Amino acid sequence: MTRELVYGRNAVREALRGRRQVLELWASERAAAQLDWLHEGPRPQLRRERELTEAAGTPDHQGVLAWCEPYPYADAWELASGERPLLACLDQVTDPRNLGAVARSALGAGATGVVVPAHGAARVTPAVCRVSAGAVEHLPVAVVPNLARYLGEIKRGDLWIYAAAVDARRSLWEADLGGGVALVFGAEGKGVRPLVRRACDDGVSIPLAAGVESLNVSVAAALLLYEARRQRSG
C-alpha cells in the first residue's frame, strides 16, 4: 500500500483527527510519555531519536512521525460550486513553507479551500503538513491542470476572482470580498502570471509603507483572507 509520511506533533495529531487513515506511528520514549493523544491512533512504536530523524530526513520531527494513506486532494470545481465560496489560489508558489502557511491561514479564516496548479507548484508534502500545523488534514486542497483555464470556468456573477497585485488600483479595504471570492496569489518576486491575471475579474492590492515593495505570499494571503472573513461576517 502506498503511504505518506507526516512528522511533527501538531501535524501528526491532526492527521489522527483528519480524513485519512494513519497506518503506523513512531514515537520517542519522551514523546510517548508526554503525548496522551497518541492513543487515538495505532499503538506507537518506540524508536530512538536517530531513527526518527533518518526516517523524516530532518531533526524537526519533535519525537513523533506517522505513515498515512495518500493525501486526499479535493475536487476544485466542487469547491467553487458552493454558496459564497472563499478560495485561495496559488499561482506557481513552489516553496512548501508558503503553501503550509497559506493553508494554516486559510483554515483559520474559514476558507473553502486552496487550489494549486499541477505543474510548477508545491503540493502537500511532509514539510507542508509540518508548517501548516496539520491544517491540511482538515482544509480541502485541490490540484488543477491549468489554473488560468480553471479560473475562467468557475467565474460567475456571484463568484468574483481577484488577483493580488501590488499595482492594483483597488485596495483590500475597497474591494468587495463579502460574496463568493477566489483570491489568486503569485510567487514571491514574480507575482501572478499575465495569463492567469487576465483570467481574473479584477486586481486587489495591500497598501504598503514607503520603501516596502511587497509582502511574502503567505502574509499577503493571510491579510486578504481575513479581510474577506471580516466582510463576510459583517
Protein backbone atom coordinates (compact mmCIF):
# COMPACT_ATOMS: atom_id res chain seq x y z
CA MET A 1 0.00 0.00 0.00
CA THR A 2 1.25 3.45 -0.88
CA ARG A 3 1.77 5.56 2.22
CA GLU A 4 2.97 9.06 3.01
CA LEU A 5 4.99 10.42 5.88
CA VAL A 6 3.81 13.06 8.35
CA TYR A 7 6.05 14.37 11.13
CA GLY A 8 5.84 16.91 13.93
CA ARG A 9 3.49 16.90 16.91
CA ASN A 10 0.74 19.14 15.56
CA ALA A 11 0.87 17.59 12.11
CA VAL A 12 0.62 14.02 13.42
CA ARG A 13 -2.11 14.89 15.93
CA GLU A 14 -4.25 16.47 13.20
CA ALA A 15 -3.57 13.54 10.86
CA LEU A 16 -5.05 11.27 13.54
CA ARG A 17 -8.13 13.50 13.65
CA GLY A 18 -8.34 14.15 9.93
CA ARG A 19 -9.73 12.47 6.84
CA ARG A 20 -7.07 9.88 6.09
CA GLN A 21 -6.15 6.74 7.97
CA VAL A 22 -2.92 6.67 9.97
CA LEU A 23 -1.28 3.32 9.28
CA GLU A 24 1.74 3.40 11.59
CA LEU A 25 3.07 5.60 14.39
CA TRP A 26 6.63 6.03 15.64
CA ALA A 27 7.49 7.99 18.77
CA SER A 28 10.48 8.58 21.01
CA GLU A 29 10.15 7.47 24.63
CA ARG A 30 9.89 11.07 25.78
CA ALA A 31 7.17 11.94 23.27
CA ALA A 32 5.21 8.79 24.08
CA ALA A 33 5.25 9.73 27.76
CA GLN A 34 4.13 13.32 27.09
CA LEU A 35 1.51 13.00 24.33
CA ASP A 36 -1.72 11.50 25.62
CA TRP A 37 -3.40 11.87 22.21
CA LEU A 38 -1.18 9.17 20.69
CA HIS A 39 -3.74 6.59 21.83
CA GLU A 40 -6.10 7.97 19.17
CA GLY A 41 -4.17 6.06 16.51
CA PRO A 42 -2.38 2.74 16.12
CA ARG A 43 -0.17 1.76 19.01
CA PRO A 44 3.03 3.81 18.68
CA GLN A 45 6.31 2.01 18.15
CA LEU A 46 9.07 3.35 20.38
CA ARG A 47 12.10 4.39 18.36
CA ARG A 48 15.35 6.21 19.02
CA GLU A 49 15.65 9.85 18.05
CA ARG A 50 18.22 8.91 15.43
CA GLU A 51 15.80 6.52 13.74
CA LEU A 52 13.10 9.17 13.68
CA THR A 53 15.50 11.71 12.17
CA GLU A 54 16.62 9.26 9.49
CA ALA A 55 13.04 8.38 8.56
CA ALA A 56 11.87 12.00 8.46
CA GLY A 57 15.00 13.29 6.77
CA THR A 58 15.09 16.15 9.28
CA PRO A 59 15.51 16.63 13.04
CA ASP A 60 12.28 18.69 13.08
CA HIS A 61 10.06 15.67 13.84
CA GLN A 62 9.60 16.59 17.54
CA GLY A 63 9.79 12.95 18.53
CA VAL A 64 6.82 11.67 16.56
CA LEU A 65 6.01 10.66 13.00
CA ALA A 66 3.31 8.73 11.20
CA TRP A 67 2.72 6.94 7.94
CA CYS A 68 -0.68 7.70 6.47
CA GLU A 69 -2.81 6.95 3.48
CA PRO A 70 -2.03 9.21 0.49
CA TYR A 71 -3.29 12.76 0.84
CA PRO A 72 -6.92 13.03 -0.39
CA TYR A 73 -6.96 16.00 -2.77
CA ALA A 74 -10.31 17.72 -3.23
CA ASP A 75 -12.20 18.46 -6.44
CA ALA A 76 -11.52 22.10 -7.31
CA TRP A 77 -14.77 22.53 -9.25
CA GLU A 78 -16.82 21.23 -6.33
CA LEU A 79 -15.09 23.71 -4.03
CA ALA A 80 -16.12 26.56 -6.32
CA SER A 81 -19.69 25.37 -6.82
CA GLY A 82 -20.96 26.01 -3.31
CA GLU A 83 -22.65 29.12 -1.96
CA ARG A 84 -20.24 32.04 -1.37
CA PRO A 85 -17.01 30.04 -1.66
CA LEU A 86 -13.77 31.59 -0.44
CA LEU A 87 -10.80 30.14 -2.30
CA ALA A 88 -7.08 30.81 -2.13
CA CYS A 89 -5.47 30.00 -5.50
CA LEU A 90 -1.68 29.84 -5.64
CA ASP A 91 -0.03 30.50 -9.00
CA GLN A 92 3.27 28.59 -9.15
CA VAL A 93 4.14 29.01 -5.47
CA THR A 94 6.93 26.46 -5.17
CA ASP A 95 8.07 26.84 -1.55
CA PRO A 96 6.33 24.20 0.61
CA ARG A 97 6.64 26.50 3.62
CA ASN A 98 4.49 29.08 1.85
CA LEU A 99 1.86 26.52 0.92
CA GLY A 100 1.78 25.29 4.52
CA ALA A 101 1.48 28.80 5.91
CA VAL A 102 -1.28 29.73 3.45
CA ALA A 103 -3.20 26.56 4.34
CA ARG A 104 -2.98 27.37 8.04
CA SER A 105 -4.29 30.90 7.47
CA ALA A 106 -6.99 29.67 5.11
CA LEU A 107 -8.28 27.20 7.68
CA GLY A 108 -8.26 29.87 10.37
CA ALA A 109 -10.15 32.29 8.14
CA GLY A 110 -12.81 29.73 7.32
CA ALA A 111 -11.86 29.46 3.65
CA THR A 112 -13.45 26.82 1.45
CA GLY A 113 -10.10 25.53 0.25
CA VAL A 114 -6.79 26.08 -1.50
CA VAL A 115 -6.22 25.45 -5.22
CA VAL A 116 -2.81 24.91 -6.83
CA PRO A 117 -1.77 24.12 -10.42
CA ALA A 118 -0.48 20.67 -11.28
CA HIS A 119 2.85 21.91 -12.64
CA GLY A 120 5.45 24.25 -11.18
CA ALA A 121 3.87 24.44 -7.74
CA ALA A 122 4.24 22.90 -4.30
CA ARG A 123 1.85 20.14 -3.29
CA VAL A 124 1.10 18.60 0.09
CA THR A 125 4.34 17.08 1.42
CA PRO A 126 5.58 16.21 4.92
CA ALA A 127 7.10 19.69 5.15
CA VAL A 128 3.78 21.30 4.17
CA CYS A 129 1.96 19.26 6.81
CA ARG A 130 4.50 20.34 9.43
CA VAL A 131 4.40 24.06 8.55
CA SER A 132 0.61 24.07 8.36
CA ALA A 133 0.46 22.56 11.88
CA GLY A 134 -1.83 19.90 10.45
CA ALA A 135 -4.24 22.37 8.82
CA VAL A 136 -4.06 20.49 5.50
CA GLU A 137 -5.67 17.49 7.19
CA HIS A 138 -8.90 19.49 7.59
CA LEU A 139 -8.74 22.09 4.80
CA PRO A 140 -9.51 20.90 1.26
CA VAL A 141 -6.56 21.31 -1.13
CA ALA A 142 -7.18 20.79 -4.84
CA VAL A 143 -4.93 20.50 -7.89
CA VAL A 144 -5.96 21.72 -11.35
CA PRO A 145 -4.24 21.05 -14.69
CA ASN A 146 -4.35 24.69 -15.78
CA LEU A 147 -5.04 27.49 -13.30
CA ALA A 148 -5.99 30.16 -15.86
CA ARG A 149 -8.48 27.83 -17.52
CA TYR A 150 -9.90 26.82 -14.15
CA LEU A 151 -10.49 30.43 -13.15
CA GLY A 152 -12.22 31.11 -16.45
CA GLU A 153 -14.52 28.14 -15.93
CA ILE A 154 -15.57 28.91 -12.35
CA LYS A 155 -16.20 32.66 -12.63
CA ARG A 156 -19.80 33.69 -12.45
CA GLY A 157 -21.93 36.58 -11.28
CA ASP A 158 -21.71 35.57 -7.64
CA LEU A 159 -18.09 34.41 -7.70
CA TRP A 160 -15.58 37.22 -8.26
CA ILE A 161 -11.92 36.48 -8.94
CA TYR A 162 -9.26 38.87 -7.66
CA ALA A 163 -5.55 38.76 -8.44
CA ALA A 164 -3.40 40.00 -5.56
CA ALA A 165 -1.09 42.57 -7.17
CA VAL A 166 0.93 45.47 -5.84
CA ASP A 167 -0.11 47.64 -8.82
CA ALA A 168 -3.84 47.00 -8.49
CA ARG A 169 -5.82 50.22 -8.07
CA ARG A 170 -8.36 48.70 -5.69
CA SER A 171 -7.14 48.05 -2.13
CA LEU A 172 -8.35 45.20 0.07
CA TRP A 173 -10.48 47.73 2.01
CA GLU A 174 -12.18 48.90 -1.18
CA ALA A 175 -12.74 45.51 -2.79
CA ASP A 176 -16.00 43.66 -2.23
CA LEU A 177 -14.88 40.39 -0.68
CA GLY A 178 -18.17 39.61 1.02
CA GLY A 179 -19.59 37.28 -1.62
CA GLY A 180 -18.12 34.33 -3.47
CA VAL A 181 -14.42 35.09 -3.92
CA ALA A 182 -11.35 33.43 -5.38
CA LEU A 183 -8.13 35.19 -4.37
CA VAL A 184 -5.16 34.49 -6.62
CA PHE A 185 -1.62 34.83 -5.29
CA GLY A 186 1.59 34.62 -7.30
CA ALA A 187 5.05 33.51 -6.36
CA GLU A 188 7.14 35.99 -4.44
CA GLY A 189 9.15 38.17 -6.82
CA LYS A 190 7.15 37.06 -9.86
CA GLY A 191 3.57 37.78 -8.95
CA VAL A 192 0.56 36.38 -10.76
CA ARG A 193 1.45 35.36 -14.31
CA PRO A 194 -0.07 37.53 -17.07
CA LEU A 195 -2.22 34.72 -18.50
CA VAL A 196 -3.62 33.93 -15.07
CA ARG A 197 -4.19 37.59 -14.27
CA ARG A 198 -6.17 38.06 -17.47
CA ALA A 199 -8.50 35.29 -16.29
CA CYS A 200 -9.29 37.33 -13.15
CA ASP A 201 -12.08 39.88 -12.88
CA ASP A 202 -10.00 42.48 -11.08
CA GLY A 203 -6.90 43.08 -9.00
CA VAL A 204 -6.60 43.86 -5.33
CA SER A 205 -3.65 45.40 -3.52
CA ILE A 206 -2.40 45.68 0.05
CA PRO A 207 -1.29 49.25 0.82
CA LEU A 208 2.37 49.28 1.87
CA ALA A 209 4.51 51.88 3.57
CA ALA A 210 7.15 53.69 1.53
CA GLY A 211 10.18 51.56 0.82
CA VAL A 212 8.36 48.22 1.08
CA GLU A 213 7.99 46.58 -2.32
CA SER A 214 5.92 43.52 -1.46
CA LEU A 215 4.92 41.02 1.21
CA ASN A 216 5.62 37.33 1.47
CA VAL A 217 2.86 35.41 -0.32
CA SER A 218 1.70 33.70 2.87
CA VAL A 219 1.43 37.05 4.69
CA ALA A 220 -0.48 38.60 1.80
CA ALA A 221 -2.83 35.61 1.71
CA ALA A 222 -3.48 35.86 5.44
CA LEU A 223 -4.35 39.56 5.22
CA LEU A 224 -6.73 39.16 2.30
CA LEU A 225 -8.39 36.01 3.62
CA TYR A 226 -9.07 37.60 6.98
CA GLU A 227 -10.39 40.76 5.35
CA ALA A 228 -12.74 38.53 3.35
CA ARG A 229 -13.80 36.83 6.57
CA ARG A 230 -14.44 40.20 8.21
CA GLN A 231 -16.61 41.35 5.32
CA ARG A 232 -18.50 38.06 5.14
CA SER A 233 -19.34 38.12 8.84
CA GLY A 234 -20.39 41.78 8.87
